[in-house]
Amino acid sequence: MARAPLSRAEIAVLIPIVREVFEYIGQLKRSKPLAKHIQYPKLPSILSESIVLLELQSGRLLPELADAEFSFGGKKADILAQRKSDSELRIEVKATGRNAFQYFGEKDIGCDFLVWVHFGSFFETRRNSAVDALVIRRPSRHFAKPAKVNLSRIKTLIPDIESIRVAPLGE
């Protein structure tokens, strides 16, 4: 059975839960010296992928795909876009917090679009501000092999990278 994306209502419930986890770890780090060795958790991929899927469906992200049908892609890709006029397009989704480090693997490099949702300190605060979504078209043009990258390196490597603001909790 195909995995179902989260609805806006489910995203609105999950975000405060993730914030609680970040807040708890932050409190430990402030109160217990050895807690500095505890890492913040990886952001749930279902969260970032669902946000991207909703933004794609609304036409705010990759508006040239407004006529496409979107679905989770299983083993093929995080998200698939099917247009009547084209073959299937593969979209990979990455998400980062404040540290903004990511690993681009073979699947990421070989996709048609890579969307990097940079939450920054979104989960460490109570502000429901918009976050950056960076779009890399055909990442294979910029990466010959898998690589560890950070946001500043990406912006240097791809100076004309597309960036839009997305609202994780809707508009």
Protein backbone atom coordinates (compact mmCIF):
# COMPACT_ATOMS: atom_id res chain seq x y z
CA MET A 1 0.00 0.00 0.00
CA ALA A 2 1.34 3.41 -0.96
CA ARG A 3 2.30 5.77 1.81
CA ALA A 4 -0.16 8.63 2.28
CA PRO A 5 0.97 12.23 2.73
CA LEU A 6 0.08 14.17 5.83
CA SER A 7 -2.80 16.62 5.57
CA ARG A 8 -2.40 20.28 6.64
CA ALA A 9 -4.24 19.35 9.85
CA GLU A 10 -1.82 16.48 10.56
CA ILE A 11 1.17 18.73 9.81
CA ALA A 12 -0.26 21.25 12.31
CA VAL A 13 -0.30 18.50 14.96
CA LEU A 14 3.13 17.02 14.14
CA ILE A 15 5.06 20.32 14.15
CA PRO A 16 4.45 21.04 17.87
CA ILE A 17 5.44 17.45 18.69
CA VAL A 18 8.77 17.86 16.87
CA ARG A 19 9.22 21.20 18.65
CA GLU A 20 8.69 19.46 22.01
CA VAL A 21 11.51 17.04 21.19
CA PHE A 22 13.83 19.92 20.22
CA GLU A 23 12.85 21.87 23.35
CA TYR A 24 13.51 18.86 25.60
CA ILE A 25 16.95 18.25 24.12
CA GLY A 26 17.71 21.98 24.35
CA GLN A 27 16.78 21.97 28.05
CA LEU A 28 19.03 18.97 28.64
CA LYS A 29 21.92 20.68 26.86
CA ARG A 30 21.46 23.78 29.04
CA SER A 31 21.16 21.89 32.32
CA LYS A 32 23.51 18.91 31.98
CA PRO A 33 27.04 19.36 30.59
CA LEU A 34 27.25 15.88 29.07
CA ALA A 35 24.04 16.46 27.13
CA LYS A 36 26.13 18.47 24.66
CA HIS A 37 26.85 15.08 23.07
CA ILE A 38 23.17 14.49 22.24
CA GLN A 39 22.19 15.41 18.71
CA TYR A 40 18.91 16.92 17.69
CA PRO A 41 16.82 14.39 15.75
CA LYS A 42 16.58 14.01 12.01
CA LEU A 43 13.47 15.77 10.77
CA PRO A 44 10.69 13.34 9.81
CA SER A 45 10.78 12.86 6.05
CA ILE A 46 6.99 12.43 5.95
CA LEU A 47 6.73 16.00 7.25
CA SER A 48 9.00 17.70 4.70
CA GLU A 49 7.73 15.54 1.84
CA SER A 50 4.10 16.30 2.71
CA ILE A 51 4.82 20.04 2.90
CA VAL A 52 6.52 19.93 -0.51
CA LEU A 53 3.69 17.85 -1.98
CA LEU A 54 1.09 20.38 -0.77
CA GLU A 55 3.15 23.27 -2.16
CA LEU A 56 3.46 21.48 -5.51
CA GLN A 57 -0.28 20.79 -5.63
CA SER A 58 -1.03 24.44 -4.88
CA GLY A 59 1.20 25.57 -7.77
CA ARG A 60 3.39 27.77 -5.53
CA LEU A 61 6.36 25.43 -5.91
CA LEU A 62 7.46 24.57 -9.48
CA PRO A 63 4.51 26.36 -11.11
CA GLU A 64 5.46 24.91 -14.50
CA LEU A 65 4.21 21.57 -13.12
CA ALA A 66 0.78 22.97 -12.20
CA ASP A 67 -0.88 20.56 -14.64
CA ALA A 68 0.81 17.51 -13.10
CA GLU A 69 -0.61 14.85 -10.82
CA PHE A 70 1.62 14.33 -7.77
CA SER A 71 2.07 11.28 -5.59
CA PHE A 72 4.62 9.77 -3.27
CA GLY A 73 7.05 7.81 -5.40
CA GLY A 74 8.02 4.87 -3.23
CA LYS A 75 11.35 3.46 -4.40
CA LYS A 76 11.44 5.59 -7.57
CA ALA A 77 11.56 9.00 -5.85
CA ASP A 78 10.18 10.87 -2.87
CA ILE A 79 7.54 12.47 -5.11
CA LEU A 80 6.49 11.69 -8.67
CA ALA A 81 4.98 14.26 -11.02
CA GLN A 82 2.99 12.85 -13.92
CA ARG A 83 2.09 15.25 -16.72
CA LYS A 84 -0.12 14.33 -19.64
CA SER A 85 2.44 15.67 -22.10
CA ASP A 86 5.59 14.33 -20.44
CA SER A 87 6.93 11.22 -18.89
CA GLU A 88 7.14 10.88 -15.15
CA LEU A 89 9.33 13.43 -13.34
CA ARG A 90 11.19 12.49 -10.17
CA ILE A 91 11.40 14.91 -7.25
CA GLU A 92 13.63 14.28 -4.25
CA VAL A 93 13.14 16.16 -0.97
CA LYS A 94 15.79 17.04 1.59
CA ALA A 95 15.22 18.86 4.88
CA THR A 96 17.59 20.50 7.31
CA GLY A 97 17.50 22.45 10.54
CA ARG A 98 19.90 25.10 11.72
CA ASN A 99 23.10 23.22 10.77
CA ALA A 100 22.08 22.93 7.10
CA PHE A 101 24.22 19.89 6.23
CA GLN A 102 22.93 17.29 3.82
CA TYR A 103 24.11 14.24 1.88
CA PHE A 104 23.16 13.99 -1.78
CA GLY A 105 23.18 10.35 -2.85
CA GLU A 106 22.85 8.79 -6.31
CA LYS A 107 19.05 9.02 -6.26
CA ASP A 108 19.21 12.71 -5.29
CA ILE A 109 21.69 13.53 -8.01
CA GLY A 110 19.79 11.58 -10.67
CA CYS A 111 16.38 13.15 -10.10
CA ASP A 112 14.70 15.83 -12.19
CA PHE A 113 14.21 18.23 -9.26
CA LEU A 114 15.71 18.30 -5.79
CA VAL A 115 13.82 20.42 -3.25
CA TRP A 116 15.80 21.30 -0.12
CA VAL A 117 13.55 22.58 2.66
CA HIS A 118 15.69 24.55 5.07
CA PHE A 119 13.81 24.94 8.34
CA GLY A 120 16.66 26.79 10.08
CA SER A 121 15.67 27.29 13.73
CA PHE A 122 11.94 26.78 13.01
CA PHE A 123 11.69 23.82 15.42
CA GLU A 124 13.72 25.55 18.12
CA THR A 125 11.30 28.47 18.37
CA ARG A 126 7.55 28.93 18.67
CA ARG A 127 7.36 31.19 15.61
CA ASN A 128 5.36 29.78 12.74
CA SER A 129 7.29 31.65 10.09
CA ALA A 130 7.80 30.62 6.50
CA VAL A 131 10.91 28.60 5.66
CA ASP A 132 13.11 28.41 2.56
CA ALA A 133 12.62 25.79 -0.13
CA LEU A 134 15.50 25.67 -2.59
CA VAL A 135 15.00 24.03 -5.96
CA ILE A 136 17.84 22.41 -7.86
CA ARG A 137 16.86 21.46 -11.39
CA ARG A 138 18.64 18.39 -12.71
CA PRO A 139 21.19 18.13 -9.89
CA SER A 140 23.40 15.93 -12.09
CA ARG A 141 24.47 19.13 -13.86
CA HIS A 142 26.14 20.24 -10.62
CA PHE A 143 27.15 16.95 -8.95
CA ALA A 144 29.03 14.13 -10.64
CA LYS A 145 28.95 11.83 -7.61
CA PRO A 146 27.38 11.68 -4.13
CA ALA A 147 28.52 14.47 -1.85
CA LYS A 148 28.11 15.97 1.59
CA VAL A 149 27.09 19.59 1.20
CA ASN A 150 25.99 22.52 3.27
CA LEU A 151 23.70 25.35 2.35
CA SER A 152 26.42 27.95 1.86
CA ARG A 153 28.32 25.61 -0.50
CA ILE A 154 25.16 25.01 -2.52
CA LYS A 155 24.53 28.73 -2.87
CA THR A 156 28.14 29.22 -4.03
CA LEU A 157 28.03 26.25 -6.41
CA ILE A 158 24.64 27.22 -7.85
CA PRO A 159 24.42 31.03 -7.57
CA ASP A 160 21.10 31.18 -9.45
CA ILE A 161 19.42 28.53 -7.29
CA GLU A 162 15.68 29.04 -7.03
CA SER A 163 14.42 29.83 -3.55
CA ILE A 164 10.85 30.28 -2.42
CA ARG A 165 9.30 30.75 1.01
CA VAL A 166 6.89 28.01 2.07
CA ALA A 167 4.60 28.03 5.07
CA PRO A 168 4.72 24.66 6.86
CA LEU A 169 1.41 25.41 8.58
CA GLY A 170 -0.26 26.84 5.49
CA GLU A 171 -0.92 30.44 4.60
